[in-house]
Each structure stands twice: as C-alpha cells, then as structure tokens.
N, C-alpha and C. Protein backbone atom coordinates (compact mmCIF):
# COMPACT_ATOMS: atom_id res chain seq x y z
N MET A 1 131.82 51.04 88.46
CA MET A 1 130.41 51.84 87.79
C MET A 1 130.44 53.34 87.77
N ALA A 2 130.51 53.69 86.73
CA ALA A 2 130.42 55.14 86.70
C ALA A 2 129.17 56.03 87.17
N ILE A 3 129.21 56.91 88.21
CA ILE A 3 128.23 57.87 88.50
C ILE A 3 127.32 58.43 87.46
N SER A 4 126.36 58.34 87.02
CA SER A 4 125.60 59.42 86.32
C SER A 4 125.32 60.71 86.39
N ASP A 5 125.45 61.54 85.39
CA ASP A 5 124.98 62.81 85.63
C ASP A 5 123.25 63.26 85.40
N ARG A 6 122.71 62.08 85.48
CA ARG A 6 121.38 62.04 85.54
C ARG A 6 120.58 62.83 86.40
N TRP A 7 119.30 63.44 86.87
CA TRP A 7 118.92 63.78 87.82
C TRP A 7 117.66 62.96 87.95
N LEU A 8 117.07 62.47 89.21
CA LEU A 8 116.04 61.58 89.60
C LEU A 8 114.64 62.59 90.31
N ILE A 9 113.58 62.77 89.49
CA ILE A 9 112.97 63.80 90.43
C ILE A 9 111.81 62.65 90.34
N ALA A 10 111.19 62.70 91.71
CA ALA A 10 110.45 61.93 91.89
C ALA A 10 109.23 62.61 92.86
N GLY A 11 108.06 62.37 92.44
CA GLY A 11 107.11 63.55 93.17
C GLY A 11 106.39 61.99 94.02
N LEU A 12 106.15 62.47 95.10
CA LEU A 12 105.31 61.52 96.28
C LEU A 12 103.89 61.94 95.88
N GLY A 13 103.07 60.53 96.47
CA GLY A 13 101.68 60.59 96.41
C GLY A 13 101.31 59.33 96.83
N ASN A 14 100.07 59.21 96.43
CA ASN A 14 99.48 57.84 96.67
C ASN A 14 98.69 57.41 95.10
N PRO A 15 98.96 56.20 94.92
CA PRO A 15 98.41 55.73 93.79
C PRO A 15 96.81 55.44 93.88
N GLY A 16 96.53 55.41 92.42
CA GLY A 16 94.94 55.33 92.10
C GLY A 16 94.24 56.18 91.96
N PRO A 17 92.88 56.03 91.63
CA PRO A 17 92.09 57.28 91.11
C PRO A 17 91.60 57.93 92.65
N ARG A 18 91.27 56.83 93.66
CA ARG A 18 90.39 57.64 94.98
C ARG A 18 91.55 58.78 95.29
N TYR A 19 93.12 58.67 95.18
CA TYR A 19 93.86 59.84 95.74
C TYR A 19 94.03 61.12 94.69
N ALA A 20 93.77 60.64 93.34
CA ALA A 20 94.49 61.50 92.64
C ALA A 20 94.56 62.87 92.79
N GLY A 21 93.05 63.63 93.27
CA GLY A 21 92.80 65.09 93.82
C GLY A 21 92.89 65.52 95.08
N ASN A 22 93.83 64.54 95.89
CA ASN A 22 94.18 64.75 97.12
C ASN A 22 95.55 65.59 97.08
N ARG A 23 95.56 66.63 98.37
CA ARG A 23 96.60 67.34 98.45
C ARG A 23 97.80 66.88 98.63
N HIS A 24 97.76 65.94 99.21
CA HIS A 24 98.74 64.55 99.41
C HIS A 24 99.53 64.19 98.13
N ASN A 25 98.81 64.47 96.96
CA ASN A 25 99.51 63.78 95.56
C ASN A 25 99.75 65.06 94.95
N ALA A 26 100.25 66.49 95.37
CA ALA A 26 100.95 67.46 94.51
C ALA A 26 102.02 67.13 93.78
N GLY A 27 102.94 65.91 94.71
CA GLY A 27 104.25 65.97 93.86
C GLY A 27 104.14 65.17 92.65
N TYR A 28 103.04 64.04 92.59
CA TYR A 28 102.69 63.72 91.49
C TYR A 28 102.31 64.41 90.48
N MET A 29 101.35 65.35 90.56
CA MET A 29 100.83 66.38 89.52
C MET A 29 102.20 67.09 89.17
N CYS A 30 102.98 67.50 90.03
CA CYS A 30 104.09 68.11 89.23
C CYS A 30 104.92 67.23 88.50
N CYS A 31 105.03 65.77 89.10
CA CYS A 31 105.47 65.13 87.82
C CYS A 31 104.92 64.95 86.57
N ASP A 32 103.53 64.72 87.04
CA ASP A 32 102.53 64.79 85.54
C ASP A 32 103.14 66.01 84.50
N GLU A 33 103.21 67.33 85.26
CA GLU A 33 103.48 68.16 84.66
C GLU A 33 104.63 68.17 83.63
N LEU A 34 105.61 67.92 84.34
CA LEU A 34 107.09 67.81 83.80
C LEU A 34 107.24 66.96 82.81
N ALA A 35 106.38 65.64 82.75
CA ALA A 35 106.13 64.58 81.83
C ALA A 35 105.69 65.32 80.63
N GLY A 36 104.58 65.99 80.64
CA GLY A 36 103.97 66.65 79.39
C GLY A 36 104.79 67.35 78.78
N GLU A 37 105.52 68.42 79.71
CA GLU A 37 106.43 69.51 79.23
C GLU A 37 107.70 68.76 78.40
N VAL A 38 108.18 67.55 78.81
CA VAL A 38 109.50 66.72 78.46
C VAL A 38 108.95 65.84 77.19
N GLY A 39 107.39 65.82 76.94
CA GLY A 39 107.01 64.84 75.93
C GLY A 39 107.05 63.47 76.03
N VAL A 40 107.07 63.01 77.53
CA VAL A 40 107.50 61.39 77.63
C VAL A 40 106.33 60.85 78.48
N THR A 41 106.21 59.90 78.59
CA THR A 41 104.90 58.85 79.23
C THR A 41 105.44 58.27 80.06
N PHE A 42 104.75 58.00 81.06
CA PHE A 42 105.03 57.08 82.20
C PHE A 42 104.92 55.77 81.81
N LYS A 43 105.65 54.74 82.28
CA LYS A 43 105.41 53.23 82.25
C LYS A 43 105.80 52.69 83.48
N ARG A 44 105.05 51.92 84.03
CA ARG A 44 105.00 51.00 84.92
C ARG A 44 106.56 50.41 84.99
N ASP A 45 107.30 50.48 85.90
CA ASP A 45 108.69 49.78 86.10
C ASP A 45 109.13 48.91 87.27
N ARG A 46 109.80 48.11 87.32
CA ARG A 46 110.12 46.95 88.34
C ARG A 46 110.26 47.27 89.52
N SER A 47 110.68 48.84 89.61
CA SER A 47 111.18 49.61 90.66
C SER A 47 109.98 49.89 91.90
N ARG A 48 108.95 49.31 91.27
CA ARG A 48 107.57 49.85 92.00
C ARG A 48 107.12 51.32 91.98
N ALA A 49 107.36 52.09 90.48
CA ALA A 49 107.21 53.05 90.42
C ALA A 49 106.85 53.31 88.53
N PHE A 50 105.93 54.21 88.51
CA PHE A 50 105.65 54.68 86.98
C PHE A 50 107.03 55.54 86.61
N VAL A 51 107.48 55.83 85.58
CA VAL A 51 108.79 56.05 85.34
C VAL A 51 108.64 56.65 83.75
N ALA A 52 109.65 57.76 83.85
CA ALA A 52 109.47 58.72 82.31
C ALA A 52 111.13 58.92 82.39
N THR A 53 111.83 58.75 81.39
CA THR A 53 113.19 59.23 81.11
C THR A 53 112.95 60.12 79.70
N GLY A 54 113.82 61.18 79.86
CA GLY A 54 114.39 62.46 79.13
C GLY A 54 114.94 63.34 79.20
N THR A 55 114.74 64.60 78.67
CA THR A 55 115.46 65.92 78.96
C THR A 55 114.62 66.68 79.23
N LEU A 56 115.29 67.30 80.45
CA LEU A 56 114.46 68.66 80.85
C LEU A 56 115.59 69.82 81.02
N ALA A 57 115.46 71.08 80.58
CA ALA A 57 116.19 72.38 80.35
C ALA A 57 117.72 71.33 80.06
N GLY A 58 118.16 70.91 79.21
CA GLY A 58 119.36 69.98 78.78
C GLY A 58 119.86 69.14 79.57
N ALA A 59 119.41 68.87 80.78
CA ALA A 59 119.72 67.66 81.72
C ALA A 59 118.69 66.44 81.40
N SER A 60 119.50 65.49 81.44
CA SER A 60 119.04 64.17 81.60
C SER A 60 118.15 63.65 82.82
N VAL A 61 117.31 63.58 82.69
CA VAL A 61 116.08 63.10 84.07
C VAL A 61 115.31 61.79 84.01
N VAL A 62 115.14 61.46 84.95
CA VAL A 62 114.21 60.20 85.20
C VAL A 62 112.93 60.77 86.08
N LEU A 63 112.04 60.83 85.65
CA LEU A 63 110.74 61.00 86.18
C LEU A 63 110.21 60.20 86.98
N ALA A 64 109.57 60.11 88.24
CA ALA A 64 109.20 59.07 88.98
C ALA A 64 108.13 59.26 89.73
N LYS A 65 106.86 58.50 89.67
CA LYS A 65 106.18 58.68 90.72
C LYS A 65 105.80 56.97 91.49
N PRO A 66 106.20 56.80 92.74
CA PRO A 66 106.17 55.56 93.12
C PRO A 66 104.62 54.90 93.29
N VAL A 67 104.55 53.93 92.78
CA VAL A 67 103.16 53.35 93.14
C VAL A 67 102.79 52.45 94.41
N SER A 68 103.73 52.52 95.35
CA SER A 68 103.42 52.12 96.70
C SER A 68 102.89 53.41 97.27
N PHE A 69 101.81 53.55 98.30
CA PHE A 69 101.85 54.19 99.21
C PHE A 69 102.91 55.37 99.75
N MET A 70 102.64 56.46 99.58
CA MET A 70 103.59 57.83 100.28
C MET A 70 104.25 57.09 101.59
N ASN A 71 103.56 56.50 102.69
CA ASN A 71 104.54 56.15 103.71
C ASN A 71 105.47 55.34 103.46
N VAL A 72 105.70 54.48 102.38
CA VAL A 72 107.05 53.40 102.14
C VAL A 72 106.81 53.71 100.55
N SER A 73 107.57 54.69 99.99
CA SER A 73 107.41 55.31 98.76
C SER A 73 109.30 55.23 98.57
N GLY A 74 109.87 55.26 99.56
CA GLY A 74 111.51 55.48 99.85
C GLY A 74 112.19 54.35 99.09
N GLY A 75 111.37 53.08 99.19
CA GLY A 75 112.01 51.79 98.63
C GLY A 75 112.29 52.02 96.84
N ALA A 76 111.10 52.60 96.34
CA ALA A 76 111.44 52.82 94.92
C ALA A 76 112.29 53.73 94.66
N ILE A 77 112.33 54.95 95.15
CA ILE A 77 113.29 55.91 94.90
C ILE A 77 114.23 55.35 94.89
N ALA A 78 114.94 54.82 96.12
CA ALA A 78 116.08 54.30 96.31
C ALA A 78 116.48 53.11 95.01
N ALA A 79 115.87 52.39 94.85
CA ALA A 79 116.16 51.56 93.67
C ALA A 79 116.05 51.93 92.22
N LEU A 80 115.52 53.35 92.06
CA LEU A 80 115.72 53.88 91.04
C LEU A 80 117.15 54.89 90.67
N ARG A 81 117.39 55.49 91.96
CA ARG A 81 118.91 56.12 92.36
C ARG A 81 119.93 55.03 91.75
N ASN A 82 119.68 53.94 92.31
CA ASN A 82 120.89 52.68 92.33
C ASN A 82 120.83 52.18 90.91
N PHE A 83 119.61 52.01 90.29
CA PHE A 83 119.54 51.50 88.93
C PHE A 83 120.42 52.35 87.87
N TYR A 84 119.98 53.61 87.96
CA TYR A 84 120.42 54.66 87.25
C TYR A 84 121.87 55.37 87.45
N LYS A 85 122.47 54.79 88.81
CA LYS A 85 123.75 55.47 89.32
C LYS A 85 123.64 56.85 89.67
N ILE A 86 122.53 57.39 90.14
CA ILE A 86 122.58 59.02 90.03
C ILE A 86 123.05 59.24 91.80
N GLN A 87 123.92 60.15 92.01
CA GLN A 87 124.10 60.37 93.36
C GLN A 87 123.06 61.13 93.92
N THR A 88 123.10 61.08 95.30
CA THR A 88 121.96 61.42 96.65
C THR A 88 121.63 63.06 95.86
N GLU A 89 122.98 63.80 95.95
CA GLU A 89 122.68 65.06 95.46
C GLU A 89 121.88 65.52 94.53
N ARG A 90 121.52 64.65 93.74
CA ARG A 90 120.80 64.86 92.17
C ARG A 90 119.29 64.28 92.23
N VAL A 91 119.25 63.73 93.56
CA VAL A 91 117.72 63.02 93.68
C VAL A 91 116.95 64.50 94.13
N VAL A 92 115.79 64.66 93.67
CA VAL A 92 114.61 65.84 93.76
C VAL A 92 113.47 65.34 94.31
N VAL A 93 113.17 65.20 95.35
CA VAL A 93 111.52 64.79 95.87
C VAL A 93 110.63 65.88 95.78
N VAL A 94 109.63 65.82 95.21
CA VAL A 94 108.87 66.69 95.14
C VAL A 94 107.44 66.31 95.93
N HIS A 95 107.09 67.26 96.83
CA HIS A 95 106.16 66.84 97.89
C HIS A 95 105.12 68.04 98.66
N ASP A 96 104.06 67.16 99.13
CA ASP A 96 103.15 68.52 99.77
C ASP A 96 103.77 68.94 101.08
N GLU A 97 103.42 70.15 101.48
CA GLU A 97 104.10 71.00 102.96
C GLU A 97 102.70 71.58 103.49
N LEU A 98 102.87 70.92 104.42
CA LEU A 98 101.75 71.43 105.59
C LEU A 98 102.03 72.83 105.98
N ASP A 99 103.22 73.20 106.26
CA ASP A 99 103.89 74.17 106.81
C ASP A 99 104.01 75.55 105.93
N LEU A 100 103.49 75.71 104.70
CA LEU A 100 103.77 76.69 104.04
C LEU A 100 102.35 76.56 103.51
N PRO A 101 101.79 78.37 103.21
CA PRO A 101 100.54 78.53 102.68
C PRO A 101 100.10 77.99 101.42
N LEU A 102 99.39 77.90 101.16
CA LEU A 102 98.85 77.09 99.86
C LEU A 102 99.33 77.74 98.69
N GLY A 103 99.97 77.28 97.85
CA GLY A 103 100.48 78.01 96.76
C GLY A 103 101.87 78.29 96.84
N THR A 104 102.61 78.39 98.09
CA THR A 104 104.16 78.49 97.95
C THR A 104 104.69 77.50 97.60
N VAL A 105 105.96 77.45 96.86
CA VAL A 105 106.95 76.80 96.56
C VAL A 105 108.27 77.12 97.14
N ARG A 106 108.86 76.28 97.58
CA ARG A 106 110.26 76.32 98.05
C ARG A 106 110.87 75.17 98.12
N LEU A 107 112.33 75.33 97.86
CA LEU A 107 113.48 74.20 97.38
C LEU A 107 114.49 74.33 98.60
N LYS A 108 114.76 73.49 98.68
CA LYS A 108 116.00 73.11 99.81
C LYS A 108 116.83 71.66 99.55
N LEU A 109 117.92 71.97 99.88
CA LEU A 109 118.67 70.72 99.90
C LEU A 109 118.80 70.13 101.56
N GLY A 110 118.44 68.68 101.58
CA GLY A 110 118.67 68.42 102.65
C GLY A 110 117.60 68.62 103.81
N GLY A 111 117.86 68.05 105.26
CA GLY A 111 117.16 68.72 106.32
C GLY A 111 116.10 67.24 106.77
N GLY A 112 115.31 67.63 107.62
CA GLY A 112 114.74 66.65 108.28
C GLY A 112 113.29 66.22 107.59
N ASP A 113 112.43 65.47 108.11
CA ASP A 113 111.22 65.01 107.47
C ASP A 113 110.33 66.02 108.06
N ASN A 114 110.41 66.41 109.11
CA ASN A 114 109.05 67.61 109.84
C ASN A 114 107.81 67.02 109.61
N GLY A 115 107.85 65.35 110.17
CA GLY A 115 106.36 64.60 110.25
C GLY A 115 106.06 64.08 109.22
N HIS A 116 106.84 64.27 107.76
CA HIS A 116 106.14 63.91 106.61
C HIS A 116 106.52 62.49 106.64
N ASN A 117 105.70 61.39 106.33
CA ASN A 117 106.19 59.95 106.43
C ASN A 117 106.73 59.72 105.11
N GLY A 118 106.38 60.41 103.81
CA GLY A 118 106.73 60.15 102.70
C GLY A 118 108.33 60.32 102.96
N LEU A 119 108.72 61.55 103.30
CA LEU A 119 110.20 62.00 103.34
C LEU A 119 110.76 60.99 104.35
N ARG A 120 110.05 60.49 105.49
CA ARG A 120 110.93 59.71 106.49
C ARG A 120 111.40 58.68 105.51
N SER A 121 110.32 58.04 104.90
CA SER A 121 110.71 56.58 103.96
C SER A 121 111.66 56.99 102.95
N VAL A 122 111.80 58.05 102.43
CA VAL A 122 112.68 58.17 101.16
C VAL A 122 114.22 58.34 102.14
N THR A 123 114.38 59.18 103.15
CA THR A 123 115.36 59.20 103.82
C THR A 123 116.29 57.93 104.38
N ALA A 124 115.48 57.53 104.77
CA ALA A 124 115.57 55.83 105.45
C ALA A 124 116.30 55.20 104.15
N ALA A 125 115.09 55.01 103.10
CA ALA A 125 115.61 54.21 102.12
C ALA A 125 116.94 54.63 101.69
N LEU A 126 117.20 55.96 101.20
CA LEU A 126 118.37 56.57 100.70
C LEU A 126 119.50 56.33 101.90
N GLY A 127 119.64 56.22 102.83
CA GLY A 127 120.71 56.59 103.74
C GLY A 127 120.91 57.59 104.08
N SER A 128 120.32 58.83 103.65
CA SER A 128 120.90 59.99 103.87
C SER A 128 119.36 61.00 103.25
N GLY A 129 119.83 62.11 103.93
CA GLY A 129 118.48 63.35 103.79
C GLY A 129 118.78 63.98 103.21
N GLU A 130 120.16 64.06 102.43
CA GLU A 130 121.13 65.05 101.75
C GLU A 130 120.66 65.31 100.26
N TYR A 131 119.34 65.09 99.94
CA TYR A 131 118.72 65.05 98.54
C TYR A 131 117.74 66.49 98.66
N HIS A 132 117.61 67.01 97.29
CA HIS A 132 116.71 68.02 97.05
C HIS A 132 115.32 67.92 97.26
N ARG A 133 114.69 68.95 97.94
CA ARG A 133 113.35 68.72 98.07
C ARG A 133 112.53 70.07 97.53
N ILE A 134 111.27 69.90 96.59
CA ILE A 134 110.68 70.91 96.04
C ILE A 134 109.42 70.76 96.92
N ARG A 135 108.84 71.67 97.79
CA ARG A 135 108.02 71.67 98.61
C ARG A 135 106.80 72.31 98.28
N ILE A 136 105.98 72.06 98.10
CA ILE A 136 104.54 72.29 97.59
C ILE A 136 103.35 72.95 98.69
N GLY A 137 103.40 73.83 98.97
CA GLY A 137 102.53 74.53 100.17
C GLY A 137 101.08 74.13 99.82
N ILE A 138 100.49 73.63 101.09
CA ILE A 138 99.22 72.99 101.04
C ILE A 138 98.17 73.72 102.02
N GLY A 139 99.07 74.68 103.15
CA GLY A 139 98.14 74.88 104.26
C GLY A 139 98.23 74.16 105.29
N ARG A 140 97.77 74.58 106.28
CA ARG A 140 97.30 74.02 107.09
C ARG A 140 95.38 73.60 107.68
N PRO A 141 95.41 72.62 108.38
CA PRO A 141 94.23 72.05 108.23
C PRO A 141 93.08 72.95 109.09
N PRO A 142 92.26 73.44 108.72
CA PRO A 142 90.93 74.15 109.55
C PRO A 142 90.80 73.66 110.72
N GLY A 143 90.55 74.47 111.54
CA GLY A 143 89.95 74.29 113.02
C GLY A 143 91.13 73.09 113.49
N ARG A 144 90.16 71.78 114.17
CA ARG A 144 91.06 71.30 114.70
C ARG A 144 90.96 69.92 114.01
N MET A 145 90.99 69.76 112.71
CA MET A 145 90.95 68.74 111.64
C MET A 145 92.32 68.06 111.50
N ASP A 146 92.31 66.79 111.86
CA ASP A 146 93.70 65.82 111.87
C ASP A 146 94.22 66.25 110.77
N PRO A 147 95.63 66.42 110.87
CA PRO A 147 96.38 66.66 109.49
C PRO A 147 96.26 65.50 108.74
N ALA A 148 96.37 64.33 109.30
CA ALA A 148 96.38 63.39 108.39
C ALA A 148 95.20 62.80 107.45
N ASP A 149 94.10 63.52 108.13
CA ASP A 149 92.86 63.41 107.03
C ASP A 149 92.79 64.93 106.10
N PHE A 150 93.33 65.73 106.52
CA PHE A 150 93.41 66.76 105.77
C PHE A 150 94.22 66.55 104.41
N VAL A 151 95.40 66.12 104.43
CA VAL A 151 95.93 65.84 103.26
C VAL A 151 95.81 64.79 102.57
N LEU A 152 94.58 63.86 102.88
CA LEU A 152 93.86 63.08 102.03
C LEU A 152 92.69 63.45 101.50
N ARG A 153 92.14 64.75 101.62
CA ARG A 153 91.22 65.60 101.02
C ARG A 153 91.47 66.20 99.65
N ASP A 154 90.40 65.98 98.60
CA ASP A 154 90.45 66.90 97.42
C ASP A 154 91.09 68.28 97.70
N PHE A 155 91.82 68.98 97.10
CA PHE A 155 91.53 70.46 96.94
C PHE A 155 90.13 70.69 96.66
N SER A 156 90.04 72.11 97.54
CA SER A 156 88.80 72.32 96.94
C SER A 156 88.52 73.24 95.66
N PRO A 157 86.95 73.24 95.42
CA PRO A 157 87.31 73.78 93.70
C PRO A 157 87.75 75.14 93.57
N ALA A 158 87.55 76.18 94.77
CA ALA A 158 88.63 77.36 94.63
C ALA A 158 90.30 77.00 94.54
N GLU A 159 90.80 76.38 95.26
CA GLU A 159 92.18 75.78 94.94
C GLU A 159 92.13 75.18 94.26
N ARG A 160 91.29 74.32 93.43
CA ARG A 160 91.64 73.76 92.32
C ARG A 160 91.65 74.87 91.11
N LYS A 161 90.97 75.80 90.89
CA LYS A 161 91.33 76.93 89.98
C LYS A 161 92.85 77.32 90.09
N GLU A 162 93.82 77.45 91.34
CA GLU A 162 94.85 77.99 91.60
C GLU A 162 96.15 76.97 91.12
N LEU A 163 95.31 75.58 91.49
CA LEU A 163 96.23 74.66 91.12
C LEU A 163 97.21 74.45 89.69
N PRO A 164 96.58 74.70 88.48
CA PRO A 164 97.89 74.90 87.25
C PRO A 164 98.66 75.82 87.74
N GLU A 165 98.41 76.83 88.45
CA GLU A 165 99.75 77.85 88.45
C GLU A 165 100.42 77.36 89.66
N ILE A 166 100.03 76.84 90.90
CA ILE A 166 101.09 76.31 91.81
C ILE A 166 101.82 75.27 90.99
N ILE A 167 100.98 74.13 90.66
CA ILE A 167 101.92 73.07 89.95
C ILE A 167 102.92 73.60 88.76
N GLY A 168 102.67 74.77 88.04
CA GLY A 168 103.55 75.11 87.12
C GLY A 168 104.85 75.91 87.46
N ARG A 169 104.72 76.26 89.16
CA ARG A 169 105.78 77.08 89.58
C ARG A 169 106.49 75.97 90.22
N ALA A 170 105.90 75.03 90.81
CA ALA A 170 107.14 73.84 91.14
C ALA A 170 107.67 73.10 89.98
N ALA A 171 106.86 73.10 88.89
CA ALA A 171 107.85 72.51 87.79
C ALA A 171 108.82 73.28 87.35
N GLU A 172 108.71 74.52 87.36
CA GLU A 172 109.52 75.94 86.60
C GLU A 172 110.76 75.56 87.90
N SER A 173 110.63 75.50 89.26
CA SER A 173 111.49 75.07 89.81
C SER A 173 112.34 73.97 89.76
N ALA A 174 111.87 72.73 89.35
CA ALA A 174 112.51 71.78 89.18
C ALA A 174 113.29 71.72 87.83
N ARG A 175 112.82 72.88 86.78
CA ARG A 175 113.79 72.89 85.63
C ARG A 175 114.89 73.91 85.88
N ILE A 176 114.60 74.81 86.55
CA ILE A 176 115.73 75.99 86.94
C ILE A 176 116.97 74.98 87.88
N LEU A 177 116.40 73.94 88.86
CA LEU A 177 117.48 73.88 89.85
C LEU A 177 118.14 72.83 89.17
N VAL A 178 117.40 71.81 87.80
CA VAL A 178 118.78 71.18 86.95
C VAL A 178 119.34 71.96 85.97
N GLU A 179 119.03 72.82 85.74
CA GLU A 179 119.58 73.61 84.61
C GLU A 179 120.93 74.61 85.28
N ARG A 180 120.60 75.25 86.27
CA ARG A 180 121.18 76.18 86.72
C ARG A 180 121.76 76.31 88.38
N GLY A 181 120.97 75.46 89.17
CA GLY A 181 121.39 74.71 90.31
C GLY A 181 120.73 75.58 91.46
N LEU A 182 120.71 75.12 92.95
CA LEU A 182 119.78 75.43 93.89
C LEU A 182 119.97 76.83 94.36
N ALA A 183 121.08 77.76 94.41
CA ALA A 183 120.88 78.74 94.61
C ALA A 183 120.05 79.84 93.91
N VAL A 184 120.47 79.50 92.30
CA VAL A 184 119.46 80.24 91.32
C VAL A 184 118.09 79.96 91.60
N ALA A 185 117.71 78.75 91.77
CA ALA A 185 116.27 78.40 91.60
C ALA A 185 115.77 78.93 93.15
N GLN A 186 116.48 78.76 94.06
CA GLN A 186 115.98 79.52 95.06
C GLN A 186 115.76 80.90 95.00
N ASN A 187 116.64 81.87 94.39
CA ASN A 187 116.44 83.27 93.82
C ASN A 187 115.48 83.63 93.21
N GLU A 188 115.17 82.66 92.09
CA GLU A 188 113.85 82.93 90.93
C GLU A 188 112.65 82.52 91.81
N MET A 189 112.81 81.69 92.45
CA MET A 189 111.29 81.04 92.69
C MET A 189 111.05 81.45 94.27
N HIS A 190 111.44 82.18 95.33
CA HIS A 190 111.28 82.12 96.55
C HIS A 190 110.89 83.84 96.72
C-alpha cells in the first residue's frame, strides 16, 4: 500500500451547540475556516469525525473534526490517518493552548501533551507524538479558576471581536505549513 502525499488537518473540540463557542473549540473553528476557504462541506464519516476533502495551497488535504469529546478524539484521527494512508508527520492537530496568551498562534512538530487531554489521546492513538501542532493561545484562567472550567467557557464578547483574526492566522499557518513547510510557517507566523 502506497503512502499518500495528503495532509490530515484535524481540529480538536467538543461536539454539539453547547460547546460551539468554547475556548476548547478553537481547533474546530480553524477547520471550519479552512473548509470555507477550500469550498468544501463537512460530512459525517464512519471514523467518528466530520470530514471534508479538498485542495489547500496546492496540497491534497483531509479536514477533520472528531465528533467524540476532546479527551477521546485520538481514535478518529488515527482511523483517518490509516484510511487515507497518511504519514504521521503529515498530520496537523489544531488545538487551544492555555500557556500562550490569547491570540498567539504557534506551530511545532512533536512534543509532549503539556496536560492537554486531547493531545494525550491523539498521541496514544497515533502511537507517536511526531505530528504537527498548530497551537491557538487562549490565555490562562483568571484568579484561581480551574483550567478545566476555563476551557469550557465561551470566549468573552471582547475576545469574540478578535476571534476572526486569530482563527484566520491559525488557518494561514496551516496553508503555509502544507505549501512551504514548518520552518517557513514558523518564520512567517511567529
């Protein structure tokens, strides 16, 4: 079986309208933005994800939003990687990041999960942490708020005004990554 030259771009989040505006759904928001740019519509897939395929910056891509909850989203991503025969190094996971200030977008290849249960699930399911990550900063919780509660809160009205630009930068990071590679994307976006 030949390995595909496609990319899999998976946005992490929680399914359903109750969670749609949550900070934890920044990955879903980025995939929605990319689907709009590519001109494709998500369809429910047997891999437990909403999936859309198309061409982004000249590259064949599979966009995915797992429909399982964040903490168990890795199975759907691994199933899609296997079905489309995509190398783990061509998997891009887009996710919220508490340790980055709101609006900061950072890219990297590999690394730990830094306490992010979605990343822990993806790494376990893929059998490797050597996949790309697009990290969307959501900032730290105020005061002594539990981080688990913070990520499940909607962006504030002021933050929502900034959100289109933030998500746009994350989508641009994905475009540059698949077209020109990680080093160029990091140089242009960091």
